[in-house]
Amino acid sequence: MLSKDRVRARFRVDLGNEVPPIAELRRITTDAIIELINQSGGNEVGYRVDGRAAGSAISVSLTIKVNDLGNGSQVYWDATASLGRLLQMMSRFVNIDSLVKRISEDTIHGFIECLLK
């Protein structure tokens, strides 16, 4: 923990068979700084993730909003990612949109699991 709003994290992203021609990129370890950048109204939060993956700088802005539905909640999220040059070059071999969608859904699912605890 760097401060109350910033944390340094290392995590591994398993891309599975999304990158069949590039075996070395199937599992990527990422070093990142995750920073809380916005918290409004008690039901919305914004994060910025800056780090390095596969030798390239990456940056992600993530907004998560939770709405009360009376007998449950609904989670809305929006993410914008800036991938480094090496990852951009991977788009010749990999469907980057599909890959980002899968990683984003896995990440949001992880956030929801944490909120349920």
Protein backbone atom coordinates (compact mmCIF):
# COMPACT_ATOMS: atom_id res chain seq x y z
CA MET A 1 0.00 0.00 0.00
CA LEU A 2 1.50 3.31 -1.09
CA SER A 3 -1.20 5.53 0.43
CA LYS A 4 -4.86 5.30 1.34
CA ASP A 5 -5.80 5.80 -2.35
CA ARG A 6 -2.89 4.02 -4.08
CA VAL A 7 -1.68 0.44 -4.02
CA ARG A 8 1.05 -1.39 -5.88
CA ALA A 9 -0.08 -4.77 -7.20
CA ARG A 10 1.36 -7.66 -9.16
CA PHE A 11 -1.05 -9.98 -10.87
CA ARG A 12 -1.06 -12.59 -13.58
CA VAL A 13 -3.43 -12.58 -16.52
CA ASP A 14 -4.03 -15.98 -18.09
CA LEU A 15 -4.94 -15.46 -21.73
CA GLY A 16 -5.40 -19.17 -22.37
CA ASN A 17 -5.88 -20.03 -26.01
CA GLU A 18 -6.59 -16.43 -27.03
CA VAL A 19 -2.98 -16.14 -28.26
CA PRO A 20 -2.24 -19.54 -29.86
CA PRO A 21 0.69 -18.44 -32.06
CA ILE A 22 2.50 -16.72 -29.16
CA ALA A 23 2.94 -19.22 -26.33
CA GLU A 24 5.08 -16.79 -24.26
CA LEU A 25 2.17 -14.36 -24.01
CA ARG A 26 -0.44 -16.85 -22.73
CA ARG A 27 0.32 -15.87 -19.14
CA ILE A 28 1.37 -12.27 -18.53
CA THR A 29 2.57 -10.94 -15.19
CA THR A 30 1.72 -7.29 -14.65
CA ASP A 31 3.16 -4.82 -12.16
CA ALA A 32 0.75 -1.95 -11.66
CA ILE A 33 -0.24 0.99 -9.50
CA ILE A 34 -3.99 1.08 -8.82
CA GLU A 35 -5.26 4.48 -7.75
CA LEU A 36 -8.68 5.58 -6.54
CA ILE A 37 -9.34 8.72 -8.59
CA ASN A 38 -13.04 9.40 -8.07
CA GLN A 39 -15.66 8.58 -5.47
CA SER A 40 -19.03 10.25 -5.79
CA GLY A 41 -22.39 9.84 -4.17
CA GLY A 42 -21.44 6.65 -2.38
CA ASN A 43 -22.41 4.47 -5.35
CA GLU A 44 -19.75 5.30 -7.96
CA VAL A 45 -16.02 4.86 -7.89
CA GLY A 46 -13.27 5.46 -10.44
CA TYR A 47 -9.86 3.80 -10.65
CA ARG A 48 -6.79 4.33 -12.77
CA VAL A 49 -4.42 1.43 -13.32
CA ASP A 50 -0.97 2.20 -14.70
CA GLY A 51 1.63 -0.48 -15.19
CA ARG A 52 3.70 -2.67 -17.44
CA ALA A 53 2.71 -5.89 -19.16
CA ALA A 54 4.65 -7.87 -21.76
CA GLY A 55 7.32 -5.17 -21.81
CA SER A 56 4.86 -2.40 -22.62
CA ALA A 57 3.27 0.41 -20.63
CA ILE A 58 -0.48 0.04 -20.10
CA SER A 59 -3.10 2.35 -18.65
CA VAL A 60 -6.71 1.59 -17.76
CA SER A 61 -9.44 3.90 -16.47
CA LEU A 62 -12.29 2.05 -14.78
CA THR A 63 -15.58 3.42 -13.44
CA ILE A 64 -17.89 1.20 -11.40
CA LYS A 65 -21.39 2.26 -10.37
CA VAL A 66 -23.73 0.23 -8.16
CA ASN A 67 -27.45 1.01 -8.25
CA ASP A 68 -29.88 -0.19 -5.59
CA LEU A 69 -32.80 -2.13 -7.08
CA GLY A 70 -34.68 -2.62 -3.81
CA ASN A 71 -34.20 -6.36 -3.51
CA GLY A 72 -30.71 -6.38 -5.04
CA SER A 73 -28.15 -4.30 -6.86
CA GLN A 74 -27.05 -3.74 -10.43
CA VAL A 75 -23.41 -3.07 -11.30
CA TYR A 76 -22.56 -0.83 -14.26
CA TRP A 77 -18.98 -0.42 -15.40
CA ASP A 78 -17.01 1.35 -18.08
CA ALA A 79 -13.34 0.86 -18.90
CA THR A 80 -10.96 2.58 -21.28
CA ALA A 81 -7.60 0.95 -21.93
CA SER A 82 -4.45 2.23 -23.56
CA LEU A 83 -2.27 -0.73 -24.49
CA GLY A 84 1.44 -0.45 -25.01
CA ARG A 85 3.11 -0.75 -28.40
CA LEU A 86 3.96 -4.45 -28.06
CA LEU A 87 0.39 -5.33 -27.16
CA GLN A 88 -0.88 -3.22 -30.07
CA MET A 89 1.36 -5.21 -32.41
CA MET A 90 -0.24 -8.41 -31.08
CA SER A 91 -3.48 -7.38 -32.78
CA ARG A 92 -2.12 -9.00 -35.95
CA PHE A 93 -2.37 -12.38 -34.18
CA VAL A 94 -5.07 -11.84 -31.56
CA ASN A 95 -8.57 -10.38 -31.51
CA ILE A 96 -7.72 -7.61 -29.01
CA ASP A 97 -11.37 -6.52 -28.55
CA SER A 98 -12.41 -10.06 -27.59
CA LEU A 99 -9.40 -10.39 -25.31
CA VAL A 100 -10.02 -7.08 -23.54
CA LYS A 101 -13.71 -7.93 -23.13
CA ARG A 102 -12.89 -11.27 -21.50
CA ILE A 103 -10.26 -9.79 -19.19
CA SER A 104 -12.58 -6.92 -18.24
CA GLU A 105 -15.47 -9.27 -17.46
CA ASP A 106 -13.17 -11.46 -15.34
CA THR A 107 -11.90 -8.38 -13.48
CA ILE A 108 -15.39 -7.00 -12.81
CA HIS A 109 -16.52 -10.44 -11.65
CA GLY A 110 -13.59 -10.39 -9.19
CA PHE A 111 -14.64 -6.92 -7.92
CA ILE A 112 -18.20 -8.17 -7.41
CA GLU A 113 -16.97 -11.25 -5.52
CA CYS A 114 -14.95 -8.95 -3.22
CA LEU A 115 -18.01 -6.74 -2.62
CA LEU A 116 -20.10 -9.78 -1.66
CA LYS A 117 -17.69 -10.76 1.13
